[in-house]
Amino acid sequence: MPQLRHHNQGPYRVHYAPQAWREVGRMSAETFLALQKVLEGLGEATGRAPEATNGLGRHALPEHGLELEYTWDERSHTLTLLSLVRVPRKP
């Protein structure tokens, strides 16, 4: 079983909205680790959509069949994961 690693790579926080948290509880450990990696990158601005600062940003994980919807608050350096939407997996 993979071990969860906590990284302090940047001064940001990740907040999970309740509907996103419910979906996290349904995913495999492998998918959760992929999600953590993506959230780290988004928190550090790697691949963050510019529109996430003023509204809704999206990021796809096609290999895991997920699309993330999130916002970024520059003032508090907080990434809020609003929802995880299931999409058809791509090979």
N, C-alpha and C. Protein backbone atom coordinates (compact mmCIF):
# COMPACT_ATOMS: atom_id res chain seq x y z
N MET A 1 0.85 -1.18 0.00
CA MET A 1 0.00 0.00 0.00
C MET A 1 0.89 1.24 0.00
N PRO A 2 0.60 2.22 -0.88
CA PRO A 2 1.44 3.41 -0.93
C PRO A 2 1.28 4.24 0.34
N GLN A 3 2.35 4.89 0.70
CA GLN A 3 2.33 5.74 1.88
C GLN A 3 2.08 7.17 1.45
N LEU A 4 1.31 7.89 2.27
CA LEU A 4 1.04 9.28 1.98
C LEU A 4 2.22 10.11 2.49
N ARG A 5 2.65 11.03 1.65
CA ARG A 5 3.75 11.90 2.03
C ARG A 5 3.23 13.32 2.15
N HIS A 6 3.69 14.02 3.16
CA HIS A 6 3.32 15.41 3.33
C HIS A 6 4.51 16.27 2.98
N HIS A 7 4.29 17.20 2.04
CA HIS A 7 5.36 18.06 1.58
C HIS A 7 5.08 19.49 2.02
N ASN A 8 6.07 20.16 2.48
CA ASN A 8 5.97 21.58 2.78
C ASN A 8 6.77 22.33 1.74
N GLN A 9 6.31 22.32 0.50
CA GLN A 9 7.06 22.92 -0.58
C GLN A 9 6.69 24.38 -0.80
N GLY A 10 5.67 24.86 -0.22
CA GLY A 10 5.28 26.24 -0.46
C GLY A 10 4.35 26.74 0.62
N PRO A 11 4.30 28.06 0.77
CA PRO A 11 3.41 28.64 1.80
C PRO A 11 1.98 28.79 1.28
N TYR A 12 1.28 27.69 1.14
CA TYR A 12 -0.10 27.71 0.67
C TYR A 12 -0.89 26.67 1.43
N ARG A 13 -2.21 26.82 1.38
CA ARG A 13 -3.10 25.85 2.02
C ARG A 13 -4.02 25.27 0.96
N VAL A 14 -4.47 24.06 1.21
CA VAL A 14 -5.47 23.43 0.34
C VAL A 14 -6.70 23.18 1.19
N HIS A 15 -7.82 23.67 0.71
CA HIS A 15 -9.10 23.49 1.39
C HIS A 15 -9.99 22.64 0.49
N TYR A 16 -10.62 21.61 1.07
CA TYR A 16 -11.54 20.75 0.33
C TYR A 16 -12.97 21.16 0.66
N ALA A 17 -13.74 21.52 -0.36
CA ALA A 17 -15.17 21.76 -0.16
C ALA A 17 -15.83 20.42 0.17
N PRO A 18 -16.94 20.42 0.91
CA PRO A 18 -17.57 19.15 1.31
C PRO A 18 -17.86 18.20 0.16
N GLN A 19 -18.37 18.68 -0.98
CA GLN A 19 -18.68 17.75 -2.07
C GLN A 19 -17.42 17.16 -2.67
N ALA A 20 -16.30 17.89 -2.67
CA ALA A 20 -15.03 17.33 -3.15
C ALA A 20 -14.53 16.27 -2.17
N TRP A 21 -14.67 16.55 -0.88
CA TRP A 21 -14.19 15.62 0.14
C TRP A 21 -14.92 14.29 0.05
N ARG A 22 -16.21 14.31 -0.24
CA ARG A 22 -16.97 13.06 -0.38
C ARG A 22 -16.39 12.21 -1.50
N GLU A 23 -16.05 12.83 -2.62
CA GLU A 23 -15.48 12.09 -3.75
C GLU A 23 -14.11 11.54 -3.42
N VAL A 24 -13.33 12.27 -2.64
CA VAL A 24 -12.00 11.80 -2.22
C VAL A 24 -12.14 10.48 -1.46
N GLY A 25 -13.16 10.38 -0.64
CA GLY A 25 -13.38 9.17 0.15
C GLY A 25 -13.70 7.94 -0.69
N ARG A 26 -14.07 8.14 -1.95
CA ARG A 26 -14.42 7.03 -2.83
C ARG A 26 -13.29 6.59 -3.75
N MET A 27 -12.16 7.30 -3.73
CA MET A 27 -11.11 6.99 -4.69
C MET A 27 -10.07 6.03 -4.12
N SER A 28 -9.36 5.40 -5.04
CA SER A 28 -8.30 4.47 -4.65
C SER A 28 -7.09 5.26 -4.12
N ALA A 29 -6.20 4.57 -3.45
CA ALA A 29 -4.98 5.20 -2.94
C ALA A 29 -4.14 5.75 -4.09
N GLU A 30 -4.08 5.03 -5.20
CA GLU A 30 -3.31 5.48 -6.36
C GLU A 30 -3.86 6.80 -6.92
N THR A 31 -5.18 6.88 -7.02
CA THR A 31 -5.81 8.09 -7.53
C THR A 31 -5.61 9.24 -6.54
N PHE A 32 -5.70 8.96 -5.25
CA PHE A 32 -5.50 10.00 -4.24
C PHE A 32 -4.08 10.55 -4.29
N LEU A 33 -3.10 9.68 -4.49
CA LEU A 33 -1.71 10.16 -4.60
C LEU A 33 -1.54 11.04 -5.84
N ALA A 34 -2.18 10.68 -6.94
CA ALA A 34 -2.12 11.51 -8.15
C ALA A 34 -2.79 12.86 -7.88
N LEU A 35 -3.91 12.85 -7.18
CA LEU A 35 -4.60 14.08 -6.82
C LEU A 35 -3.71 14.96 -5.96
N GLN A 36 -3.04 14.38 -4.96
CA GLN A 36 -2.14 15.16 -4.10
C GLN A 36 -1.04 15.82 -4.92
N LYS A 37 -0.48 15.11 -5.86
CA LYS A 37 0.60 15.64 -6.69
C LYS A 37 0.10 16.84 -7.51
N VAL A 38 -1.09 16.70 -8.09
CA VAL A 38 -1.67 17.79 -8.87
C VAL A 38 -1.94 18.99 -7.97
N LEU A 39 -2.50 18.77 -6.79
CA LEU A 39 -2.79 19.87 -5.88
C LEU A 39 -1.52 20.59 -5.45
N GLU A 40 -0.44 19.85 -5.26
CA GLU A 40 0.84 20.49 -4.93
C GLU A 40 1.27 21.42 -6.06
N GLY A 41 1.17 20.94 -7.29
CA GLY A 41 1.54 21.77 -8.44
C GLY A 41 0.66 23.00 -8.57
N LEU A 42 -0.64 22.84 -8.35
CA LEU A 42 -1.55 23.97 -8.44
C LEU A 42 -1.30 24.97 -7.32
N GLY A 43 -0.96 24.49 -6.14
CA GLY A 43 -0.64 25.37 -5.02
C GLY A 43 0.63 26.16 -5.25
N GLU A 44 1.53 25.60 -6.04
CA GLU A 44 2.79 26.27 -6.34
C GLU A 44 2.73 26.99 -7.69
N ALA A 45 1.57 27.09 -8.28
CA ALA A 45 1.30 27.78 -9.54
C ALA A 45 1.75 27.01 -10.78
N THR A 46 2.25 25.79 -10.65
CA THR A 46 2.64 25.00 -11.81
C THR A 46 1.37 24.47 -12.46
N GLY A 47 1.01 25.02 -13.60
CA GLY A 47 -0.17 24.56 -14.32
C GLY A 47 -1.47 25.15 -13.84
N ARG A 48 -1.42 26.08 -12.90
CA ARG A 48 -2.66 26.69 -12.42
C ARG A 48 -3.25 27.56 -13.52
N ALA A 49 -4.53 27.42 -13.73
CA ALA A 49 -5.21 28.23 -14.74
C ALA A 49 -5.30 29.67 -14.27
N PRO A 50 -4.96 30.64 -15.13
CA PRO A 50 -5.01 32.05 -14.73
C PRO A 50 -6.40 32.48 -14.24
N GLU A 51 -7.44 31.90 -14.83
CA GLU A 51 -8.79 32.27 -14.43
C GLU A 51 -9.16 31.78 -13.03
N ALA A 52 -8.36 30.90 -12.43
CA ALA A 52 -8.66 30.39 -11.09
C ALA A 52 -8.59 31.49 -10.04
N THR A 53 -7.80 32.55 -10.30
CA THR A 53 -7.69 33.65 -9.34
C THR A 53 -8.96 34.47 -9.30
N ASN A 54 -9.64 34.60 -10.42
CA ASN A 54 -10.84 35.42 -10.49
C ASN A 54 -12.11 34.60 -10.59
N GLY A 55 -12.01 33.32 -10.52
CA GLY A 55 -13.20 32.48 -10.65
C GLY A 55 -12.84 31.02 -10.56
N LEU A 56 -13.35 30.27 -11.49
CA LEU A 56 -13.22 28.82 -11.47
C LEU A 56 -12.11 28.34 -12.40
N GLY A 57 -11.21 27.52 -11.88
CA GLY A 57 -10.20 26.87 -12.71
C GLY A 57 -10.51 25.39 -12.81
N ARG A 58 -10.05 24.79 -13.89
CA ARG A 58 -10.27 23.35 -14.09
C ARG A 58 -8.95 22.70 -14.43
N HIS A 59 -8.82 21.45 -13.98
CA HIS A 59 -7.63 20.67 -14.30
C HIS A 59 -8.08 19.22 -14.48
N ALA A 60 -7.68 18.60 -15.58
CA ALA A 60 -8.10 17.23 -15.88
C ALA A 60 -7.03 16.22 -15.49
N LEU A 61 -7.46 15.10 -14.98
CA LEU A 61 -6.63 13.92 -14.75
C LEU A 61 -7.25 12.80 -15.56
N PRO A 62 -7.07 12.81 -16.89
CA PRO A 62 -7.76 11.84 -17.75
C PRO A 62 -7.41 10.39 -17.44
N GLU A 63 -6.18 10.13 -16.99
CA GLU A 63 -5.79 8.75 -16.69
C GLU A 63 -6.51 8.20 -15.47
N HIS A 64 -7.10 9.10 -14.66
CA HIS A 64 -7.85 8.66 -13.48
C HIS A 64 -9.34 8.96 -13.61
N GLY A 65 -9.74 9.53 -14.76
CA GLY A 65 -11.15 9.81 -15.00
C GLY A 65 -11.71 10.92 -14.14
N LEU A 66 -10.90 11.95 -13.86
CA LEU A 66 -11.35 13.05 -13.01
C LEU A 66 -11.08 14.40 -13.64
N GLU A 67 -11.93 15.35 -13.31
CA GLU A 67 -11.69 16.75 -13.61
C GLU A 67 -11.89 17.51 -12.31
N LEU A 68 -10.90 18.33 -11.95
CA LEU A 68 -10.96 19.12 -10.73
C LEU A 68 -11.49 20.50 -11.05
N GLU A 69 -12.31 21.03 -10.18
CA GLU A 69 -12.74 22.41 -10.25
C GLU A 69 -12.25 23.08 -8.98
N TYR A 70 -11.57 24.21 -9.14
CA TYR A 70 -10.93 24.84 -7.99
C TYR A 70 -10.87 26.35 -8.16
N THR A 71 -10.58 27.03 -7.06
CA THR A 71 -10.30 28.46 -7.08
C THR A 71 -9.00 28.70 -6.34
N TRP A 72 -8.40 29.85 -6.59
CA TRP A 72 -7.16 30.24 -5.92
C TRP A 72 -7.35 31.63 -5.34
N ASP A 73 -7.06 31.78 -4.06
CA ASP A 73 -7.11 33.08 -3.41
C ASP A 73 -5.67 33.53 -3.17
N GLU A 74 -5.25 34.52 -3.94
CA GLU A 74 -3.86 34.99 -3.87
C GLU A 74 -3.54 35.61 -2.51
N ARG A 75 -4.50 36.32 -1.96
CA ARG A 75 -4.26 37.01 -0.69
C ARG A 75 -3.95 36.04 0.45
N SER A 76 -4.73 34.97 0.54
CA SER A 76 -4.52 34.00 1.63
C SER A 76 -3.68 32.80 1.19
N HIS A 77 -3.29 32.77 -0.09
CA HIS A 77 -2.54 31.64 -0.65
C HIS A 77 -3.25 30.32 -0.36
N THR A 78 -4.53 30.31 -0.71
CA THR A 78 -5.36 29.13 -0.46
C THR A 78 -5.95 28.61 -1.77
N LEU A 79 -5.73 27.33 -2.02
CA LEU A 79 -6.34 26.62 -3.13
C LEU A 79 -7.57 25.91 -2.57
N THR A 80 -8.74 26.18 -3.14
CA THR A 80 -9.96 25.52 -2.69
C THR A 80 -10.42 24.56 -3.76
N LEU A 81 -10.42 23.28 -3.44
CA LEU A 81 -10.91 22.25 -4.35
C LEU A 81 -12.42 22.20 -4.18
N LEU A 82 -13.13 22.68 -5.20
CA LEU A 82 -14.59 22.78 -5.12
C LEU A 82 -15.29 21.47 -5.41
N SER A 83 -14.81 20.78 -6.45
CA SER A 83 -15.45 19.51 -6.80
C SER A 83 -14.51 18.65 -7.63
N LEU A 84 -14.82 17.38 -7.63
CA LEU A 84 -14.16 16.39 -8.47
C LEU A 84 -15.25 15.76 -9.31
N VAL A 85 -15.13 15.91 -10.61
CA VAL A 85 -16.16 15.42 -11.53
C VAL A 85 -15.60 14.19 -12.23
N ARG A 86 -16.38 13.11 -12.24
CA ARG A 86 -16.00 11.90 -12.97
C ARG A 86 -16.21 12.12 -14.46
N VAL A 87 -15.18 11.81 -15.25
CA VAL A 87 -15.25 11.92 -16.70
C VAL A 87 -14.77 10.58 -17.27
N PRO A 88 -15.12 10.29 -18.52
CA PRO A 88 -14.64 9.02 -19.12
C PRO A 88 -13.11 8.97 -19.13
N ARG A 89 -12.57 7.83 -18.74
CA ARG A 89 -11.12 7.63 -18.74
C ARG A 89 -10.58 7.57 -20.15
N LYS A 90 -9.37 8.12 -20.30
CA LYS A 90 -8.70 8.04 -21.59
C LYS A 90 -7.47 7.15 -21.43
N PRO A 91 -7.22 6.27 -22.40
CA PRO A 91 -6.10 5.34 -22.27
C PRO A 91 -4.74 6.02 -22.30
